[in-house]
């Protein structure tokens, strides 16, 4: 039985806290370009699709798509619909969801999530929430059937905006698993939502990328062990939470 695995990356120019962040430079290229470099190294993927909103404001993002990166344009606010239709266009059986504000996503970790999903009787697997991985390694993998059900039934605004809440709020309908990591490194904020986040990520790329463009989790651990003050740059930035998230206090 065939299983076509497609990574779908959602991106837009109109970020609330840091507009245009996906085009901000990292080691001489747009943030989104660097992120896509890493996604393309994830083992087990059959295709990668960039899912962006319609409208001229987002045209600069579309130019980053290439012969190796497919493009889908859809609704800006209903991201669940955009993701579903991108997966439909790509004929996906399994969907990996990563967001464009995670330019340090680790291909090995994301590949581990996919492997765990494929080897377990679940509809949804993830690193996110209380898994112990840094914020910015967040990877979700789910069946197209689960996505289709969410697309048909989800009615809450946050379920349409954030794609997967309908799925992870219903573990009785969608059996789930989470990859764990110890020690708990959730205090490492490696996603880009604020100028402080960008400053940290930019310094990471400037330090490691020229010598090792394929750097990953191990190299980040070494860097922060040698230069722990880097993590202080965005330590005051809070991580938003959605209602019902596992680990929510």
C-alpha atoms as a PDB file:
ATOM      1  CA  UNK A   1       0.000   0.000   0.000  1.00  0.00           C
ATOM      2  CA  UNK A   2       1.488   3.324  -1.078  1.00  0.00           C
ATOM      3  CA  UNK A   3       1.978   6.109   1.430  1.00  0.00           C
ATOM      4  CA  UNK A   4       2.825   9.475  -0.079  1.00  0.00           C
ATOM      5  CA  UNK A   5       4.353  11.725   2.575  1.00  0.00           C
ATOM      6  CA  UNK A   6       4.222  15.472   1.989  1.00  0.00           C
ATOM      7  CA  UNK A   7       5.654  18.206   4.191  1.00  0.00           C
ATOM      8  CA  UNK A   8       3.482  21.314   4.140  1.00  0.00           C
ATOM      9  CA  UNK A   9       5.028  24.576   5.284  1.00  0.00           C
ATOM     10  CA  UNK A  10       2.653  27.418   5.999  1.00  0.00           C
ATOM     11  CA  UNK A  11       4.042  30.931   5.543  1.00  0.00           C
ATOM     12  CA  UNK A  12       2.759  34.480   5.193  1.00  0.00           C
ATOM     13  CA  UNK A  13       4.103  38.031   5.074  1.00  0.00           C
ATOM     14  CA  UNK A  14       1.603  39.477   7.556  1.00  0.00           C
ATOM     15  CA  UNK A  15       2.832  38.028  10.843  1.00  0.00           C
ATOM     16  CA  UNK A  16       1.246  39.897  13.755  1.00  0.00           C
ATOM     17  CA  UNK A  17       4.347  40.294  15.918  1.00  0.00           C
ATOM     18  CA  UNK A  18       7.085  40.443  13.263  1.00  0.00           C
ATOM     19  CA  UNK A  19       5.732  41.214   9.770  1.00  0.00           C
ATOM     20  CA  UNK A  20       7.886  40.009   6.902  1.00  0.00           C
ATOM     21  CA  UNK A  21       9.969  37.767   9.150  1.00  0.00           C
ATOM     22  CA  UNK A  22      10.102  34.949   6.589  1.00  0.00           C
ATOM     23  CA  UNK A  23      12.217  37.162   4.311  1.00  0.00           C
ATOM     24  CA  UNK A  24      14.585  38.452   6.998  1.00  0.00           C
ATOM     25  CA  UNK A  25      18.159  37.361   6.202  1.00  0.00           C
ATOM     26  CA  UNK A  26      19.925  34.425   7.808  1.00  0.00           C
ATOM     27  CA  UNK A  27      23.485  33.818   6.618  1.00  0.00           C
ATOM     28  CA  UNK A  28      22.771  35.805   3.461  1.00  0.00           C
ATOM     29  CA  UNK A  29      19.476  34.210   2.424  1.00  0.00           C
ATOM     30  CA  UNK A  30      15.825  34.670   3.488  1.00  0.00           C
ATOM     31  CA  UNK A  31      14.777  32.902   6.680  1.00  0.00           C
ATOM     32  CA  UNK A  32      12.262  30.811   4.743  1.00  0.00           C
ATOM     33  CA  UNK A  33      14.961  29.720   2.274  1.00  0.00           C
ATOM     34  CA  UNK A  34      17.146  28.492   5.126  1.00  0.00           C
ATOM     35  CA  UNK A  35      14.207  26.710   6.705  1.00  0.00           C
ATOM     36  CA  UNK A  36      13.328  24.948   3.448  1.00  0.00           C
ATOM     37  CA  UNK A  37      16.953  23.827   3.065  1.00  0.00           C
ATOM     38  CA  UNK A  38      16.536  21.924   6.308  1.00  0.00           C
ATOM     39  CA  UNK A  39      13.097  20.513   5.503  1.00  0.00           C
ATOM     40  CA  UNK A  40      14.415  19.040   2.260  1.00  0.00           C
ATOM     41  CA  UNK A  41      16.878  16.962   4.284  1.00  0.00           C
ATOM     42  CA  UNK A  42      14.152  15.203   6.300  1.00  0.00           C
ATOM     43  CA  UNK A  43      14.254  11.499   5.516  1.00  0.00           C
ATOM     44  CA  UNK A  44      11.104   9.824   4.268  1.00  0.00           C
ATOM     45  CA  UNK A  45       9.514  12.779   2.490  1.00  0.00           C
ATOM     46  CA  UNK A  46       8.150  12.410  -1.031  1.00  0.00           C
ATOM     47  CA  UNK A  47       7.445  16.104  -1.585  1.00  0.00           C
ATOM     48  CA  UNK A  48       7.522  19.537   0.026  1.00  0.00           C
ATOM     49  CA  UNK A  49       4.781  22.122  -0.473  1.00  0.00           C
ATOM     50  CA  UNK A  50       4.803  25.781   0.514  1.00  0.00           C
ATOM     51  CA  UNK A  51       1.250  26.833   1.440  1.00  0.00           C
ATOM     52  CA  UNK A  52       0.835  30.601   1.391  1.00  0.00           C
ATOM     53  CA  UNK A  53      -2.103  33.021   1.219  1.00  0.00           C
ATOM     54  CA  UNK A  54      -3.478  34.529  -1.938  1.00  0.00           C
ATOM     55  CA  UNK A  55      -2.844  38.233  -2.537  1.00  0.00           C
ATOM     56  CA  UNK A  56      -0.015  40.442  -3.795  1.00  0.00           C
ATOM     57  CA  UNK A  57       1.340  41.035  -0.301  1.00  0.00           C
ATOM     58  CA  UNK A  58       2.517  37.423  -0.251  1.00  0.00           C
ATOM     59  CA  UNK A  59       4.007  37.315  -3.763  1.00  0.00           C
ATOM     60  CA  UNK A  60       7.597  37.681  -2.481  1.00  0.00           C
ATOM     61  CA  UNK A  61       7.225  34.363  -0.649  1.00  0.00           C
ATOM     62  CA  UNK A  62       5.985  32.618  -3.786  1.00  0.00           C
ATOM     63  CA  UNK A  63       9.286  33.416  -5.489  1.00  0.00           C
ATOM     64  CA  UNK A  64      11.087  31.124  -3.029  1.00  0.00           C
ATOM     65  CA  UNK A  65       9.234  28.092  -4.385  1.00  0.00           C
ATOM     66  CA  UNK A  66      11.263  26.159  -6.942  1.00  0.00           C
ATOM     67  CA  UNK A  67      11.252  23.038  -9.060  1.00  0.00           C
ATOM     68  CA  UNK A  68      11.796  21.094  -5.829  1.00  0.00           C
ATOM     69  CA  UNK A  69       9.286  23.043  -3.705  1.00  0.00           C
ATOM     70  CA  UNK A  70       5.640  23.021  -4.793  1.00  0.00           C
ATOM     71  CA  UNK A  71       3.389  26.018  -4.168  1.00  0.00           C
ATOM     72  CA  UNK A  72      -0.224  26.260  -3.061  1.00  0.00           C
ATOM     73  CA  UNK A  73      -2.064  29.534  -2.466  1.00  0.00           C
ATOM     74  CA  UNK A  74      -5.241  29.699  -0.428  1.00  0.00           C
ATOM     75  CA  UNK A  75      -7.149  31.377   2.382  1.00  0.00           C
ATOM     76  CA  UNK A  76      -5.026  33.524   4.711  1.00  0.00           C
ATOM     77  CA  UNK A  77      -7.140  33.201   7.854  1.00  0.00           C
ATOM     78  CA  UNK A  78      -8.518  29.669   7.445  1.00  0.00           C
ATOM     79  CA  UNK A  79      -5.165  27.918   7.606  1.00  0.00           C
ATOM     80  CA  UNK A  80      -6.847  24.552   8.095  1.00  0.00           C
ATOM     81  CA  UNK A  81      -8.530  24.953   4.716  1.00  0.00           C
ATOM     82  CA  UNK A  82      -5.258  26.090   3.144  1.00  0.00           C
ATOM     83  CA  UNK A  83      -3.422  23.091   4.552  1.00  0.00           C
ATOM     84  CA  UNK A  84      -6.145  20.634   3.559  1.00  0.00           C
ATOM     85  CA  UNK A  85      -6.308  21.892  -0.018  1.00  0.00           C
ATOM     86  CA  UNK A  86      -2.519  21.901  -0.313  1.00  0.00           C
ATOM     87  CA  UNK A  87      -2.446  18.278   0.872  1.00  0.00           C
ATOM     88  CA  UNK A  88      -5.252  17.455  -1.555  1.00  0.00           C
ATOM     89  CA  UNK A  89      -3.375  19.099  -4.436  1.00  0.00           C
ATOM     90  CA  UNK A  90      -0.240  17.143  -3.503  1.00  0.00           C
ATOM     91  CA  UNK A  91      -2.157  13.836  -3.218  1.00  0.00           C
ATOM     92  CA  UNK A  92      -0.779  13.308   0.280  1.00  0.00           C
ATOM     93  CA  UNK A  93      -1.577  10.208   2.319  1.00  0.00           C
ATOM     94  CA  UNK A  94       0.471  11.443   5.266  1.00  0.00           C
ATOM     95  CA  UNK A  95       1.103  15.104   6.090  1.00  0.00           C
ATOM     96  CA  UNK A  96       4.037  16.580   7.985  1.00  0.00           C
ATOM     97  CA  UNK A  97       3.285  20.073   9.221  1.00  0.00           C
ATOM     98  CA  UNK A  98       6.020  22.531  10.092  1.00  0.00           C
ATOM     99  CA  UNK A  99       5.754  26.311  10.238  1.00  0.00           C
ATOM    100  CA  UNK A 100       7.990  28.829   8.514  1.00  0.00           C
ATOM    101  CA  UNK A 101       9.038  30.540  11.746  1.00  0.00           C
ATOM    102  CA  UNK A 102      11.179  27.531  12.731  1.00  0.00           C
ATOM    103  CA  UNK A 103      14.410  27.948  10.711  1.00  0.00           C
ATOM    104  CA  UNK A 104      16.378  25.714  13.104  1.00  0.00           C
ATOM    105  CA  UNK A 105      14.091  22.722  12.726  1.00  0.00           C
ATOM    106  CA  UNK A 106      16.204  19.577  12.953  1.00  0.00           C
ATOM    107  CA  UNK A 107      15.820  17.145  10.026  1.00  0.00           C
ATOM    108  CA  UNK A 108      16.774  14.160  12.187  1.00  0.00           C
ATOM    109  CA  UNK A 109      14.193  14.949  14.848  1.00  0.00           C
ATOM    110  CA  UNK A 110      11.468  15.551  12.251  1.00  0.00           C
ATOM    111  CA  UNK A 111      12.425  12.296  10.546  1.00  0.00           C
ATOM    112  CA  UNK A 112      12.125  10.508  13.886  1.00  0.00           C
ATOM    113  CA  UNK A 113       8.571  11.832  14.288  1.00  0.00           C
ATOM    114  CA  UNK A 114       7.666  10.534  10.837  1.00  0.00           C
ATOM    115  CA  UNK A 115       9.214   7.125  11.553  1.00  0.00           C
ATOM    116  CA  UNK A 116       7.358   6.874  14.854  1.00  0.00           C
ATOM    117  CA  UNK A 117       4.090   7.745  13.116  1.00  0.00           C
ATOM    118  CA  UNK A 118       4.621   5.181  10.377  1.00  0.00           C
ATOM    119  CA  UNK A 119       5.472   2.434  12.855  1.00  0.00           C
ATOM    120  CA  UNK A 120       2.649   3.045  15.328  1.00  0.00           C
ATOM    121  CA  UNK A 121      -1.143   2.643  15.136  1.00  0.00           C
ATOM    122  CA  UNK A 122      -1.795   6.369  15.525  1.00  0.00           C
ATOM    123  CA  UNK A 123      -3.435   9.147  13.538  1.00  0.00           C
ATOM    124  CA  UNK A 124      -1.198  11.908  14.893  1.00  0.00           C
ATOM    125  CA  UNK A 125       2.401  12.219  16.131  1.00  0.00           C
ATOM    126  CA  UNK A 126       4.301  15.266  17.299  1.00  0.00           C
ATOM    127  CA  UNK A 127       7.250  16.812  19.104  1.00  0.00           C
ATOM    128  CA  UNK A 128       5.322  19.885  20.192  1.00  0.00           C
ATOM    129  CA  UNK A 129       3.806  20.926  23.542  1.00  0.00           C
ATOM    130  CA  UNK A 130       5.318  19.160  26.562  1.00  0.00           C
ATOM    131  CA  UNK A 131       7.713  16.877  24.691  1.00  0.00           C
ATOM    132  CA  UNK A 132      10.926  18.371  26.076  1.00  0.00           C
ATOM    133  CA  UNK A 133      12.240  19.505  22.692  1.00  0.00           C
ATOM    134  CA  UNK A 134      13.091  23.197  22.174  1.00  0.00           C
ATOM    135  CA  UNK A 135      10.398  25.496  20.842  1.00  0.00           C
ATOM    136  CA  UNK A 136      11.224  25.662  17.161  1.00  0.00           C
ATOM    137  CA  UNK A 137      11.672  21.931  16.612  1.00  0.00           C
ATOM    138  CA  UNK A 138       7.894  21.488  16.477  1.00  0.00           C
ATOM    139  CA  UNK A 139       6.896  18.823  13.975  1.00  0.00           C
ATOM    140  CA  UNK A 140       3.458  17.293  13.529  1.00  0.00           C
ATOM    141  CA  UNK A 141       2.622  14.265  11.387  1.00  0.00           C
ATOM    142  CA  UNK A 142      -0.927  13.110  10.745  1.00  0.00           C
ATOM    143  CA  UNK A 143      -2.962  11.124   8.283  1.00  0.00           C
ATOM    144  CA  UNK A 144      -4.775  12.830   5.447  1.00  0.00           C
ATOM    145  CA  UNK A 145      -7.949  11.189   6.746  1.00  0.00           C
ATOM    146  CA  UNK A 146      -7.529  12.949  10.103  1.00  0.00           C
ATOM    147  CA  UNK A 147      -6.900  16.248   8.309  1.00  0.00           C
ATOM    148  CA  UNK A 148      -9.961  15.720   6.128  1.00  0.00           C
ATOM    149  CA  UNK A 149     -12.144  15.052   9.162  1.00  0.00           C
ATOM    150  CA  UNK A 150     -10.848  18.175  10.892  1.00  0.00           C
ATOM    151  CA  UNK A 151     -11.463  20.210   7.752  1.00  0.00           C
ATOM    152  CA  UNK A 152     -15.062  18.981   7.571  1.00  0.00           C
ATOM    153  CA  UNK A 153     -15.959  19.270  11.259  1.00  0.00           C
ATOM    154  CA  UNK A 154     -13.822  21.954  12.912  1.00  0.00           C
ATOM    155  CA  UNK A 155     -15.866  25.034  13.772  1.00  0.00           C
ATOM    156  CA  UNK A 156     -13.886  26.888  16.457  1.00  0.00           C
ATOM    157  CA  UNK A 157     -11.840  29.841  15.213  1.00  0.00           C
ATOM    158  CA  UNK A 158      -8.588  28.557  16.709  1.00  0.00           C
ATOM    159  CA  UNK A 159      -9.173  25.156  15.118  1.00  0.00           C
ATOM    160  CA  UNK A 160      -9.352  26.791  11.697  1.00  0.00           C
ATOM    161  CA  UNK A 161      -6.369  29.083  12.320  1.00  0.00           C
ATOM    162  CA  UNK A 162      -3.956  26.589  13.907  1.00  0.00           C
ATOM    163  CA  UNK A 163      -4.803  23.483  11.827  1.00  0.00           C
ATOM    164  CA  UNK A 164      -4.413  20.653  14.334  1.00  0.00           C
ATOM    165  CA  UNK A 165      -6.278  21.586  17.583  1.00  0.00           C
ATOM    166  CA  UNK A 166      -9.371  19.707  16.388  1.00  0.00           C
ATOM    167  CA  UNK A 167      -7.209  16.580  16.148  1.00  0.00           C
ATOM    168  CA  UNK A 168      -5.159  16.781  19.360  1.00  0.00           C
ATOM    169  CA  UNK A 169      -8.149  17.810  21.471  1.00  0.00           C
ATOM    170  CA  UNK A 170      -9.844  14.514  20.569  1.00  0.00           C
ATOM    171  CA  UNK A 171      -7.411  11.689  21.397  1.00  0.00           C
ATOM    172  CA  UNK A 172     -10.361   9.307  21.651  1.00  0.00           C
ATOM    173  CA  UNK A 173     -10.961   9.808  17.918  1.00  0.00           C
ATOM    174  CA  UNK A 174      -7.379  10.386  16.812  1.00  0.00           C
ATOM    175  CA  UNK A 175      -4.892   8.209  18.732  1.00  0.00           C
ATOM    176  CA  UNK A 176      -1.732  10.231  19.260  1.00  0.00           C
ATOM    177  CA  UNK A 177       1.858   9.849  20.345  1.00  0.00           C
ATOM    178  CA  UNK A 178       4.554  12.323  21.325  1.00  0.00           C
ATOM    179  CA  UNK A 179       8.312  12.033  21.011  1.00  0.00           C
ATOM    180  CA  UNK A 180       9.976  12.876  24.283  1.00  0.00           C
ATOM    181  CA  UNK A 181      13.361  14.418  24.997  1.00  0.00           C
ATOM    182  CA  UNK A 182      15.331  14.562  28.208  1.00  0.00           C
ATOM    183  CA  UNK A 183      16.659  16.763  29.582  1.00  0.00           C
ATOM    184  CA  UNK A 184      13.706  19.090  29.097  1.00  0.00           C
ATOM    185  CA  UNK A 185      14.852  21.896  26.787  1.00  0.00           C
ATOM    186  CA  UNK A 186      11.571  23.733  26.334  1.00  0.00           C
ATOM    187  CA  UNK A 187      13.182  26.882  27.736  1.00  0.00           C
ATOM    188  CA  UNK A 188      15.236  27.074  24.520  1.00  0.00           C
ATOM    189  CA  UNK A 189      13.195  29.353  22.292  1.00  0.00           C
ATOM    190  CA  UNK A 190      14.362  28.659  18.730  1.00  0.00           C
ATOM    191  CA  UNK A 191      11.368  30.008  16.824  1.00  0.00           C
ATOM    192  CA  UNK A 192      11.036  33.503  15.354  1.00  0.00           C
ATOM    193  CA  UNK A 193       8.147  35.687  16.507  1.00  0.00           C
ATOM    194  CA  UNK A 194       9.933  38.772  17.871  1.00  0.00           C
ATOM    195  CA  UNK A 195      13.048  40.872  17.181  1.00  0.00           C
ATOM    196  CA  UNK A 196      14.740  39.144  20.126  1.00  0.00           C
ATOM    197  CA  UNK A 197      14.041  35.738  18.604  1.00  0.00           C
ATOM    198  CA  UNK A 198      15.473  36.867  15.285  1.00  0.00           C
ATOM    199  CA  UNK A 199      18.608  38.226  16.955  1.00  0.00           C
ATOM    200  CA  UNK A 200      19.299  34.853  18.582  1.00  0.00           C
ATOM    201  CA  UNK A 201      18.646  32.824  15.435  1.00  0.00           C
ATOM    202  CA  UNK A 202      20.722  35.218  13.336  1.00  0.00           C
ATOM    203  CA  UNK A 203      23.688  34.843  15.691  1.00  0.00           C
ATOM    204  CA  UNK A 204      23.333  31.056  15.586  1.00  0.00           C
ATOM    205  CA  UNK A 205      23.442  31.012  11.787  1.00  0.00           C
ATOM    206  CA  UNK A 206      26.327  33.484  11.616  1.00  0.00           C
ATOM    207  CA  UNK A 207      28.310  31.333  14.037  1.00  0.00           C
ATOM    208  CA  UNK A 208      27.675  27.819  12.710  1.00  0.00           C
ATOM    209  CA  UNK A 209      26.395  27.961   9.122  1.00  0.00           C
ATOM    210  CA  UNK A 210      29.589  29.113   7.318  1.00  0.00           C
ATOM    211  CA  UNK A 211      31.525  26.099   8.639  1.00  0.00           C
ATOM    212  CA  UNK A 212      28.666  23.580   8.720  1.00  0.00           C
ATOM    213  CA  UNK A 213      25.512  24.389   6.698  1.00  0.00           C
ATOM    214  CA  UNK A 214      24.014  21.018   7.669  1.00  0.00           C
ATOM    215  CA  UNK A 215      24.277  21.658  11.395  1.00  0.00           C
ATOM    216  CA  UNK A 216      21.645  20.168  13.689  1.00  0.00           C
ATOM    217  CA  UNK A 217      20.628  19.560  17.286  1.00  0.00           C
ATOM    218  CA  UNK A 218      24.057  18.306  18.380  1.00  0.00           C
ATOM    219  CA  UNK A 219      25.809  21.424  17.103  1.00  0.00           C
ATOM    220  CA  UNK A 220      23.227  23.647  18.801  1.00  0.00           C
ATOM    221  CA  UNK A 221      23.804  21.869  22.101  1.00  0.00           C
ATOM    222  CA  UNK A 222      27.545  22.427  21.737  1.00  0.00           C
ATOM    223  CA  UNK A 223      27.103  26.101  20.870  1.00  0.00           C
ATOM    224  CA  UNK A 224      24.829  26.836  23.822  1.00  0.00           C
ATOM    225  CA  UNK A 225      27.121  24.918  26.173  1.00  0.00           C
ATOM    226  CA  UNK A 226      30.009  27.120  25.024  1.00  0.00           C
ATOM    227  CA  UNK A 227      27.983  30.356  24.854  1.00  0.00           C
ATOM    228  CA  UNK A 228      25.033  30.027  27.277  1.00  0.00           C
ATOM    229  CA  UNK A 229      24.444  33.781  27.267  1.00  0.00           C
ATOM    230  CA  UNK A 230      23.035  33.479  23.747  1.00  0.00           C
ATOM    231  CA  UNK A 231      19.890  31.946  25.208  1.00  0.00           C
ATOM    232  CA  UNK A 232      19.390  35.060  27.329  1.00  0.00           C
ATOM    233  CA  UNK A 233      18.717  37.140  24.208  1.00  0.00           C
ATOM    234  CA  UNK A 234      15.081  36.014  23.975  1.00  0.00           C
ATOM    235  CA  UNK A 235      14.594  34.450  27.411  1.00  0.00           C
ATOM    236  CA  UNK A 236      11.933  37.031  28.315  1.00  0.00           C
ATOM    237  CA  UNK A 237       9.722  36.199  25.311  1.00  0.00           C
ATOM    238  CA  UNK A 238       6.662  34.179  26.306  1.00  0.00           C
ATOM    239  CA  UNK A 239       5.349  31.244  24.292  1.00  0.00           C
ATOM    240  CA  UNK A 240       1.614  31.539  23.453  1.00  0.00           C
ATOM    241  CA  UNK A 241      -0.604  28.599  24.375  1.00  0.00           C
ATOM    242  CA  UNK A 242      -3.897  27.373  22.994  1.00  0.00           C
ATOM    243  CA  UNK A 243      -6.675  26.103  25.216  1.00  0.00           C
ATOM    244  CA  UNK A 244      -6.408  22.390  25.857  1.00  0.00           C
ATOM    245  CA  UNK A 245      -2.704  22.026  25.074  1.00  0.00           C
ATOM    246  CA  UNK A 246      -1.133  19.106  26.912  1.00  0.00           C
ATOM    247  CA  UNK A 247       1.065  20.379  29.709  1.00  0.00           C
ATOM    248  CA  UNK A 248      -0.951  23.585  30.036  1.00  0.00           C
ATOM    249  CA  UNK A 249      -1.169  24.828  33.614  1.00  0.00           C
END
